[in-house]
């Protein structure tokens, strides 16, 4: 969380160190500057899930964009069910 709001990407070394040592899911959080950071959080940080806010709040990406970026990287995502 030290990188929260910096938009410079997750602290991947820290996320990976934790994810590789615990048996519970780890959510990468803080610092997302773009969709590539979401992919890196899972692929390089070994996180079970990723969290982002600023890229959505400021309209730089949508949830659909995030799903697409993760899916294109071969990461399984749950698609929203539209009623």
C-alpha atoms as a PDB file:
ATOM      1  CA  UNK A   1       0.000   0.000   0.000  1.00  0.00           C
ATOM      2  CA  UNK A   2       2.993   2.324   0.216  1.00  0.00           C
ATOM      3  CA  UNK A   3       2.629   2.910  -3.518  1.00  0.00           C
ATOM      4  CA  UNK A   4      -1.078   3.775  -3.292  1.00  0.00           C
ATOM      5  CA  UNK A   5      -1.821   6.750  -5.517  1.00  0.00           C
ATOM      6  CA  UNK A   6       1.635   6.811  -7.110  1.00  0.00           C
ATOM      7  CA  UNK A   7       0.464   5.172 -10.346  1.00  0.00           C
ATOM      8  CA  UNK A   8       3.913   3.579 -10.663  1.00  0.00           C
ATOM      9  CA  UNK A   9       2.796  -0.053 -10.456  1.00  0.00           C
ATOM     10  CA  UNK A  10       2.549  -2.520  -7.614  1.00  0.00           C
ATOM     11  CA  UNK A  11       5.540  -3.289  -5.424  1.00  0.00           C
ATOM     12  CA  UNK A  12       5.950  -6.594  -7.246  1.00  0.00           C
ATOM     13  CA  UNK A  13       8.898  -7.772  -5.163  1.00  0.00           C
ATOM     14  CA  UNK A  14       6.869  -7.369  -1.976  1.00  0.00           C
ATOM     15  CA  UNK A  15       3.700  -8.883  -3.439  1.00  0.00           C
ATOM     16  CA  UNK A  16       5.635 -11.886  -4.750  1.00  0.00           C
ATOM     17  CA  UNK A  17       7.528 -12.370  -1.475  1.00  0.00           C
ATOM     18  CA  UNK A  18       4.253 -12.527   0.438  1.00  0.00           C
ATOM     19  CA  UNK A  19       2.296 -14.556  -2.131  1.00  0.00           C
ATOM     20  CA  UNK A  20       5.037 -17.169  -2.330  1.00  0.00           C
ATOM     21  CA  UNK A  21       5.133 -17.632   1.456  1.00  0.00           C
ATOM     22  CA  UNK A  22       1.494 -17.765   2.551  1.00  0.00           C
ATOM     23  CA  UNK A  23      -1.310 -20.231   1.914  1.00  0.00           C
ATOM     24  CA  UNK A  24      -4.099 -17.652   1.695  1.00  0.00           C
ATOM     25  CA  UNK A  25      -5.015 -15.575  -1.364  1.00  0.00           C
ATOM     26  CA  UNK A  26      -3.041 -12.339  -1.762  1.00  0.00           C
ATOM     27  CA  UNK A  27      -4.570  -9.263  -3.391  1.00  0.00           C
ATOM     28  CA  UNK A  28      -2.087  -6.834  -4.961  1.00  0.00           C
ATOM     29  CA  UNK A  29      -3.065  -3.260  -4.131  1.00  0.00           C
ATOM     30  CA  UNK A  30      -1.682   0.237  -4.518  1.00  0.00           C
ATOM     31  CA  UNK A  31       0.020   1.975  -7.403  1.00  0.00           C
ATOM     32  CA  UNK A  32      -1.763   0.874 -10.582  1.00  0.00           C
ATOM     33  CA  UNK A  33      -0.992   3.227 -13.442  1.00  0.00           C
ATOM     34  CA  UNK A  34      -2.362   1.157 -16.303  1.00  0.00           C
ATOM     35  CA  UNK A  35      -3.794  -2.154 -17.378  1.00  0.00           C
ATOM     36  CA  UNK A  36      -0.336  -3.712 -17.727  1.00  0.00           C
ATOM     37  CA  UNK A  37       0.109  -3.303 -13.971  1.00  0.00           C
ATOM     38  CA  UNK A  38      -2.934  -5.514 -13.361  1.00  0.00           C
ATOM     39  CA  UNK A  39      -1.428  -8.253 -15.505  1.00  0.00           C
ATOM     40  CA  UNK A  40       1.962  -7.870 -13.816  1.00  0.00           C
ATOM     41  CA  UNK A  41       0.393  -8.176 -10.362  1.00  0.00           C
ATOM     42  CA  UNK A  42      -0.842 -11.661 -11.198  1.00  0.00           C
ATOM     43  CA  UNK A  43       1.835 -12.855 -13.609  1.00  0.00           C
ATOM     44  CA  UNK A  44       4.944 -11.405 -11.961  1.00  0.00           C
ATOM     45  CA  UNK A  45       3.718 -10.741  -8.417  1.00  0.00           C
ATOM     46  CA  UNK A  46       1.986 -14.122  -8.078  1.00  0.00           C
ATOM     47  CA  UNK A  47      -1.055 -12.392  -6.541  1.00  0.00           C
ATOM     48  CA  UNK A  48      -4.364 -14.240  -6.529  1.00  0.00           C
ATOM     49  CA  UNK A  49      -6.216 -11.051  -7.429  1.00  0.00           C
ATOM     50  CA  UNK A  50      -5.531  -7.401  -8.172  1.00  0.00           C
ATOM     51  CA  UNK A  51      -7.130  -4.176  -7.013  1.00  0.00           C
ATOM     52  CA  UNK A  52      -7.198  -0.785  -8.718  1.00  0.00           C
ATOM     53  CA  UNK A  53      -9.084   2.468  -8.338  1.00  0.00           C
ATOM     54  CA  UNK A  54      -7.543   5.548  -9.953  1.00  0.00           C
ATOM     55  CA  UNK A  55      -7.516   4.198 -13.502  1.00  0.00           C
ATOM     56  CA  UNK A  56     -11.259   3.605 -13.187  1.00  0.00           C
ATOM     57  CA  UNK A  57     -12.154   6.784 -11.269  1.00  0.00           C
ATOM     58  CA  UNK A  58     -10.392   9.017 -13.764  1.00  0.00           C
ATOM     59  CA  UNK A  59     -11.863   7.211 -16.765  1.00  0.00           C
ATOM     60  CA  UNK A  60      -8.591   5.896 -18.164  1.00  0.00           C
ATOM     61  CA  UNK A  61      -9.917   2.340 -18.285  1.00  0.00           C
ATOM     62  CA  UNK A  62     -13.139   0.483 -17.672  1.00  0.00           C
ATOM     63  CA  UNK A  63     -13.778  -2.756 -15.847  1.00  0.00           C
ATOM     64  CA  UNK A  64     -14.332  -4.353 -19.265  1.00  0.00           C
ATOM     65  CA  UNK A  65     -10.903  -3.071 -20.362  1.00  0.00           C
ATOM     66  CA  UNK A  66      -9.355  -4.667 -17.278  1.00  0.00           C
ATOM     67  CA  UNK A  67     -11.110  -7.973 -17.919  1.00  0.00           C
ATOM     68  CA  UNK A  68      -9.963  -7.933 -21.538  1.00  0.00           C
ATOM     69  CA  UNK A  69      -6.341  -7.135 -20.655  1.00  0.00           C
ATOM     70  CA  UNK A  70      -6.210  -9.948 -18.111  1.00  0.00           C
ATOM     71  CA  UNK A  71      -7.933 -12.422 -20.442  1.00  0.00           C
ATOM     72  CA  UNK A  72      -5.606 -11.538 -23.332  1.00  0.00           C
ATOM     73  CA  UNK A  73      -2.680 -12.286 -21.021  1.00  0.00           C
ATOM     74  CA  UNK A  74      -4.128 -15.746 -20.397  1.00  0.00           C
ATOM     75  CA  UNK A  75      -5.334 -14.949 -16.886  1.00  0.00           C
ATOM     76  CA  UNK A  76      -8.771 -16.379 -16.029  1.00  0.00           C
ATOM     77  CA  UNK A  77     -11.366 -13.712 -15.248  1.00  0.00           C
ATOM     78  CA  UNK A  78     -15.002 -13.833 -14.235  1.00  0.00           C
ATOM     79  CA  UNK A  79     -17.182 -12.014 -16.699  1.00  0.00           C
ATOM     80  CA  UNK A  80     -20.093  -9.996 -15.332  1.00  0.00           C
ATOM     81  CA  UNK A  81     -23.523 -11.484 -15.848  1.00  0.00           C
ATOM     82  CA  UNK A  82     -25.812  -8.951 -17.457  1.00  0.00           C
ATOM     83  CA  UNK A  83     -29.490  -9.353 -16.668  1.00  0.00           C
END
